[in-house]
PDB file of N, CA and C in Angstrom:
ATOM      1  N   MET A   1       5.264  55.212 130.585  1.00  0.00           N
ATOM      2  CA  MET A   1       6.457  54.398 130.755  1.00  0.00           C
ATOM      3  C   MET A   1       7.651  55.308 131.042  1.00  0.00           C
ATOM      4  N   ILE A   2       8.479  54.882 131.943  1.00  0.00           N
ATOM      5  CA  ILE A   2       9.650  55.664 132.313  1.00  0.00           C
ATOM      6  C   ILE A   2      10.782  55.361 131.335  1.00  0.00           C
ATOM      7  N   ASP A   3      11.406  56.402 130.840  1.00  0.00           N
ATOM      8  CA  ASP A   3      12.507  56.248 129.885  1.00  0.00           C
ATOM      9  C   ASP A   3      13.824  56.344 130.648  1.00  0.00           C
ATOM     10  N   PHE A   4      14.410  55.184 130.978  1.00  0.00           N
ATOM     11  CA  PHE A   4      15.643  55.154 131.760  1.00  0.00           C
ATOM     12  C   PHE A   4      16.862  55.547 130.936  1.00  0.00           C
ATOM     13  N   PHE A   5      16.829  55.322 129.648  1.00  0.00           N
ATOM     14  CA  PHE A   5      17.999  55.530 128.812  1.00  0.00           C
ATOM     15  C   PHE A   5      17.827  56.721 127.874  1.00  0.00           C
ATOM     16  N   SER A   6      17.324  57.801 128.395  1.00  0.00           N
ATOM     17  CA  SER A   6      17.196  58.991 127.564  1.00  0.00           C
ATOM     18  C   SER A   6      18.592  59.587 127.334  1.00  0.00           C
ATOM     19  N   PRO A   7      18.803  60.288 126.236  1.00  0.00           N
ATOM     20  CA  PRO A   7      20.125  60.859 125.946  1.00  0.00           C
ATOM     21  C   PRO A   7      20.626  61.805 127.037  1.00  0.00           C
ATOM     22  N   GLU A   8      19.697  62.540 127.659  1.00  0.00           N
ATOM     23  CA  GLU A   8      20.113  63.465 128.712  1.00  0.00           C
ATOM     24  C   GLU A   8      20.678  62.721 129.918  1.00  0.00           C
ATOM     25  N   LYS A   9      20.044  61.632 130.275  1.00  0.00           N
ATOM     26  CA  LYS A   9      20.503  60.858 131.434  1.00  0.00           C
ATOM     27  C   LYS A   9      21.841  60.186 131.155  1.00  0.00           C
ATOM     28  N   ILE A  10      22.011  59.672 129.949  1.00  0.00           N
ATOM     29  CA  ILE A  10      23.283  59.044 129.592  1.00  0.00           C
ATOM     30  C   ILE A  10      24.404  60.078 129.624  1.00  0.00           C
ATOM     31  N   LEU A  11      24.139  61.251 129.093  1.00  0.00           N
ATOM     32  CA  LEU A  11      25.130  62.332 129.114  1.00  0.00           C
ATOM     33  C   LEU A  11      25.469  62.741 130.543  1.00  0.00           C
ATOM     34  N   LEU A  12      24.479  62.798 131.412  1.00  0.00           N
ATOM     35  CA  LEU A  12      24.711  63.138 132.816  1.00  0.00           C
ATOM     36  C   LEU A  12      25.585  62.089 133.501  1.00  0.00           C
ATOM     37  N   VAL A  13      25.325  60.827 133.244  1.00  0.00           N
ATOM     38  CA  VAL A  13      26.123  59.753 133.845  1.00  0.00           C
ATOM     39  C   VAL A  13      27.565  59.818 133.352  1.00  0.00           C
ATOM     40  N   VAL A  14      27.762  60.068 132.076  1.00  0.00           N
ATOM     41  CA  VAL A  14      29.117  60.175 131.523  1.00  0.00           C
ATOM     42  C   VAL A  14      29.843  61.373 132.124  1.00  0.00           C
ATOM     43  N   ALA A  15      29.154  62.496 132.275  1.00  0.00           N
ATOM     44  CA  ALA A  15      29.774  63.692 132.857  1.00  0.00           C
ATOM     45  C   ALA A  15      30.176  63.454 134.309  1.00  0.00           C
ATOM     46  N   VAL A  16      29.311  62.827 135.078  1.00  0.00           N
ATOM     47  CA  VAL A  16      29.638  62.518 136.479  1.00  0.00           C
ATOM     48  C   VAL A  16      30.793  61.530 136.530  1.00  0.00           C
ATOM     49  N   GLY A  17      30.784  60.550 135.634  1.00  0.00           N
ATOM     50  CA  GLY A  17      31.899  59.594 135.576  1.00  0.00           C
ATOM     51  C   GLY A  17      33.215  60.270 135.262  1.00  0.00           C
ATOM     52  N   LEU A  18      33.201  61.207 134.348  1.00  0.00           N
ATOM     53  CA  LEU A  18      34.421  61.950 134.023  1.00  0.00           C
ATOM     54  C   LEU A  18      34.924  62.744 135.224  1.00  0.00           C
ATOM     55  N   LEU A  19      34.008  63.333 135.971  1.00  0.00           N
ATOM     56  CA  LEU A  19      34.402  64.110 137.141  1.00  0.00           C
ATOM     57  C   LEU A  19      35.040  63.236 138.217  1.00  0.00           C
ATOM     58  N   PHE A  20      34.441  62.086 138.482  1.00  0.00           N
ATOM     59  CA  PHE A  20      34.926  61.248 139.574  1.00  0.00           C
ATOM     60  C   PHE A  20      36.076  60.329 139.188  1.00  0.00           C
ATOM     61  N   MET A  21      36.054  59.785 137.987  1.00  0.00           N
ATOM     62  CA  MET A  21      37.047  58.790 137.598  1.00  0.00           C
ATOM     63  C   MET A  21      38.152  59.344 136.703  1.00  0.00           C
ATOM     64  N   GLY A  22      37.884  60.376 135.993  1.00  0.00           N
ATOM     65  CA  GLY A  22      38.864  60.908 135.063  1.00  0.00           C
ATOM     66  C   GLY A  22      38.712  60.268 133.700  1.00  0.00           C
ATOM     67  N   PRO A  23      39.197  60.929 132.674  1.00  0.00           N
ATOM     68  CA  PRO A  23      38.997  60.430 131.308  1.00  0.00           C
ATOM     69  C   PRO A  23      39.804  59.177 130.983  1.00  0.00           C
ATOM     70  N   LYS A  24      40.873  58.913 131.715  1.00  0.00           N
ATOM     71  CA  LYS A  24      41.689  57.737 131.407  1.00  0.00           C
ATOM     72  C   LYS A  24      41.056  56.444 131.904  1.00  0.00           C
ATOM     73  N   ARG A  25      40.336  56.493 133.021  1.00  0.00           N
ATOM     74  CA  ARG A  25      39.749  55.286 133.588  1.00  0.00           C
ATOM     75  C   ARG A  25      38.345  55.008 133.090  1.00  0.00           C
ATOM     76  N   LEU A  26      37.683  55.992 132.506  1.00  0.00           N
ATOM     77  CA  LEU A  26      36.291  55.832 132.092  1.00  0.00           C
ATOM     78  C   LEU A  26      36.089  54.727 131.040  1.00  0.00           C
ATOM     79  N   PRO A  27      36.935  54.591 130.016  1.00  0.00           N
ATOM     80  CA  PRO A  27      36.731  53.486 129.057  1.00  0.00           C
ATOM     81  C   PRO A  27      36.860  52.104 129.703  1.00  0.00           C
ATOM     82  N   ALA A  28      37.782  51.950 130.639  1.00  0.00           N
ATOM     83  CA  ALA A  28      37.935  50.661 131.316  1.00  0.00           C
ATOM     84  C   ALA A  28      36.699  50.341 132.148  1.00  0.00           C
ATOM     85  N   ILE A  29      36.154  51.350 132.800  1.00  0.00           N
ATOM     86  CA  ILE A  29      34.949  51.140 133.597  1.00  0.00           C
ATOM     87  C   ILE A  29      33.773  50.797 132.685  1.00  0.00           C
ATOM     88  N   GLY A  30      33.692  51.453 131.540  1.00  0.00           N
ATOM     89  CA  GLY A  30      32.637  51.148 130.576  1.00  0.00           C
ATOM     90  C   GLY A  30      32.713  49.722 130.072  1.00  0.00           C
ATOM     91  N   ARG A  31      33.921  49.261 129.786  1.00  0.00           N
ATOM     92  CA  ARG A  31      34.097  47.864 129.355  1.00  0.00           C
ATOM     93  C   ARG A  31      33.679  46.902 130.455  1.00  0.00           C
ATOM     94  N   TRP A  32      34.060  47.214 131.696  1.00  0.00           N
ATOM     95  CA  TRP A  32      33.711  46.354 132.823  1.00  0.00           C
ATOM     96  C   TRP A  32      32.193  46.273 132.987  1.00  0.00           C
ATOM     97  N   VAL A  33      31.515  47.411 132.890  1.00  0.00           N
ATOM     98  CA  VAL A  33      30.058  47.432 133.017  1.00  0.00           C
ATOM     99  C   VAL A  33      29.422  46.640 131.873  1.00  0.00           C
ATOM    100  N   GLY A  34      29.931  46.804 130.666  1.00  0.00           N
ATOM    101  CA  GLY A  34      29.406  46.064 129.518  1.00  0.00           C
ATOM    102  C   GLY A  34      29.565  44.568 129.677  1.00  0.00           C
ATOM    103  N   ARG A  35      30.729  44.127 130.118  1.00  0.00           N
ATOM    104  CA  ARG A  35      30.961  42.692 130.333  1.00  0.00           C
ATOM    105  C   ARG A  35      30.050  42.151 131.434  1.00  0.00           C
ATOM    106  N   THR A  36      29.885  42.930 132.492  1.00  0.00           N
ATOM    107  CA  THR A  36      29.028  42.502 133.591  1.00  0.00           C
ATOM    108  C   THR A  36      27.588  42.347 133.130  1.00  0.00           C
ATOM    109  N   LEU A  37      27.085  43.306 132.379  1.00  0.00           N
ATOM    110  CA  LEU A  37      25.721  43.213 131.865  1.00  0.00           C
ATOM    111  C   LEU A  37      25.555  42.028 130.923  1.00  0.00           C
ATOM    112  N   LYS A  38      26.570  41.772 130.106  1.00  0.00           N
ATOM    113  CA  LYS A  38      26.512  40.635 129.181  1.00  0.00           C
ATOM    114  C   LYS A  38      26.446  39.316 129.947  1.00  0.00           C
ATOM    115  N   GLU A  39      27.249  39.191 131.011  1.00  0.00           N
ATOM    116  CA  GLU A  39      27.224  37.979 131.823  1.00  0.00           C
ATOM    117  C   GLU A  39      25.877  37.812 132.528  1.00  0.00           C
ATOM    118  N   LEU A  40      25.311  38.907 132.999  1.00  0.00           N
ATOM    119  CA  LEU A  40      24.000  38.835 133.634  1.00  0.00           C
ATOM    120  C   LEU A  40      22.931  38.391 132.639  1.00  0.00           C
ATOM    121  N   GLN A  41      23.018  38.877 131.411  1.00  0.00           N
ATOM    122  CA  GLN A  41      22.063  38.464 130.388  1.00  0.00           C
ATOM    123  C   GLN A  41      22.204  36.981 130.081  1.00  0.00           C
ATOM    124  N   LYS A  42      23.444  36.504 129.993  1.00  0.00           N
ATOM    125  CA  LYS A  42      23.676  35.079 129.741  1.00  0.00           C
ATOM    126  C   LYS A  42      23.096  34.226 130.858  1.00  0.00           C
ATOM    127  N   GLY A  43      23.337  34.658 132.101  1.00  0.00           N
ATOM    128  CA  GLY A  43      22.819  33.914 133.245  1.00  0.00           C
ATOM    129  C   GLY A  43      21.300  33.904 133.284  1.00  0.00           C
ATOM    130  N   ALA A  44      20.688  35.030 132.999  1.00  0.00           N
ATOM    131  CA  ALA A  44      19.228  35.107 132.995  1.00  0.00           C
ATOM    132  C   ALA A  44      18.652  34.257 131.871  1.00  0.00           C
ATOM    133  N   SER A  45      19.310  34.261 130.718  1.00  0.00           N
ATOM    134  CA  SER A  45      18.848  33.455 129.595  1.00  0.00           C
ATOM    135  C   SER A  45      18.961  31.962 129.922  1.00  0.00           C
ATOM    136  N   GLY A  46      20.075  31.584 130.528  1.00  0.00           N
ATOM    137  CA  GLY A  46      20.260  30.181 130.903  1.00  0.00           C
ATOM    138  C   GLY A  46      19.234  29.739 131.930  1.00  0.00           C
ATOM    139  N   LEU A  47      18.958  30.590 132.898  1.00  0.00           N
ATOM    140  CA  LEU A  47      17.962  30.272 133.911  1.00  0.00           C
ATOM    141  C   LEU A  47      16.580  30.147 133.286  1.00  0.00           C
ATOM    142  N   SER A  48      16.266  31.037 132.362  1.00  0.00           N
ATOM    143  CA  SER A  48      14.983  30.989 131.679  1.00  0.00           C
ATOM    144  C   SER A  48      14.838  29.691 130.878  1.00  0.00           C
ATOM    145  N   ASP A  49      15.903  29.292 130.191  1.00  0.00           N
ATOM    146  CA  ASP A  49      15.870  28.047 129.423  1.00  0.00           C
ATOM    147  C   ASP A  49      15.673  26.845 130.334  1.00  0.00           C
ATOM    148  N   GLU A  50      16.345  26.834 131.491  1.00  0.00           N
ATOM    149  CA  GLU A  50      16.198  25.728 132.438  1.00  0.00           C
ATOM    150  C   GLU A  50      14.781  25.668 132.993  1.00  0.00           C
ATOM    151  N   LEU A  51      14.210  26.812 133.296  1.00  0.00           N
ATOM    152  CA  LEU A  51      12.845  26.832 133.814  1.00  0.00           C
ATOM    153  C   LEU A  51      11.854  26.332 132.771  1.00  0.00           C
ATOM    154  N   LYS A  52      12.037  26.757 131.520  1.00  0.00           N
ATOM    155  CA  LYS A  52      11.142  26.294 130.459  1.00  0.00           C
ATOM    156  C   LYS A  52      11.270  24.787 130.273  1.00  0.00           C
ATOM    157  N   ALA A  53      12.493  24.275 130.307  1.00  0.00           N
ATOM    158  CA  ALA A  53      12.709  22.837 130.157  1.00  0.00           C
ATOM    159  C   ALA A  53      12.107  22.081 131.335  1.00  0.00           C
ATOM    160  N   GLY A  54      12.241  22.634 132.523  1.00  0.00           N
ATOM    161  CA  GLY A  54      11.681  21.991 133.703  1.00  0.00           C
ATOM    162  C   GLY A  54      10.174  21.975 133.702  1.00  0.00           C
ATOM    163  N   LEU A  55       9.566  22.996 133.150  1.00  0.00           N
ATOM    164  CA  LEU A  55       8.109  23.046 133.107  1.00  0.00           C
ATOM    165  C   LEU A  55       7.534  22.153 132.024  1.00  0.00           C
ATOM    166  N   THR A  56       8.250  21.970 130.937  1.00  0.00           N
ATOM    167  CA  THR A  56       7.729  21.141 129.848  1.00  0.00           C
ATOM    168  C   THR A  56       8.083  19.666 130.020  1.00  0.00           C
ATOM    169  N   ALA A  57       9.137  19.337 130.760  1.00  0.00           N
ATOM    170  CA  ALA A  57       9.558  17.947 130.923  1.00  0.00           C
ATOM    171  C   ALA A  57       8.491  17.097 131.641  1.00  0.00           C
ATOM    172  N   PRO A  58       7.888  17.536 132.759  1.00  0.00           N
ATOM    173  CA  PRO A  58       6.876  16.695 133.402  1.00  0.00           C
ATOM    174  C   PRO A  58       5.646  16.488 132.525  1.00  0.00           C
ATOM    175  N   VAL A  59       5.287  17.444 131.716  1.00  0.00           N
ATOM    176  CA  VAL A  59       4.134  17.287 130.827  1.00  0.00           C
ATOM    177  C   VAL A  59       4.434  16.210 129.795  1.00  0.00           C
ATOM    178  N   ALA A  60       5.619  16.200 129.247  1.00  0.00           N
ATOM    179  CA  ALA A  60       5.999  15.183 128.269  1.00  0.00           C
ATOM    180  C   ALA A  60       6.057  13.809 128.910  1.00  0.00           C
ATOM    181  N   ALA A  61       6.532  13.714 130.144  1.00  0.00           N
ATOM    182  CA  ALA A  61       6.611  12.439 130.840  1.00  0.00           C
ATOM    183  C   ALA A  61       5.217  11.902 131.155  1.00  0.00           C
ATOM    184  N   ASP A  62       4.287  12.763 131.537  1.00  0.00           N
ATOM    185  CA  ASP A  62       2.923  12.350 131.815  1.00  0.00           C
ATOM    186  C   ASP A  62       2.217  11.846 130.556  1.00  0.00           C
ATOM    187  N   ALA A  63       2.520  12.429 129.427  1.00  0.00           N
ATOM    188  CA  ALA A  63       1.892  12.031 128.167  1.00  0.00           C
ATOM    189  C   ALA A  63       2.316  10.641 127.757  1.00  0.00           C
ATOM    190  N   THR A  64       3.551  10.235 128.088  1.00  0.00           N
ATOM    191  CA  THR A  64       4.020   8.903 127.700  1.00  0.00           C
ATOM    192  C   THR A  64       3.448   7.824 128.597  1.00  0.00           C
ATOM    193  N   LYS A  65       2.990   8.160 129.794  1.00  0.00           N
ATOM    194  CA  LYS A  65       2.421   7.171 130.723  1.00  0.00           C
ATOM    195  C   LYS A  65       1.032   6.738 130.300  1.00  0.00           C
ATOM    196  N   GLU A  66       0.328   7.598 129.591  1.00  0.00           N
ATOM    197  CA  GLU A  66      -1.063   7.284 129.219  1.00  0.00           C
ATOM    198  C   GLU A  66      -1.144   6.344 128.098  1.00  0.00           C
TER     199      GLU A  66
END
């Protein structure tokens, strides 16, 4: 399994971010990335819930017809 979030990789990303963005903008960018990931998780969770409801609804409807 590939370890995407190893400490070395996180440190490398932070160092590159400091070089390109500067230390004053890095916390704002981190907050933006965190909020974006949170919204993506919410959207994926909502989509998953809708798919599960859609898959179980026809089965329940068929059971009441019999």
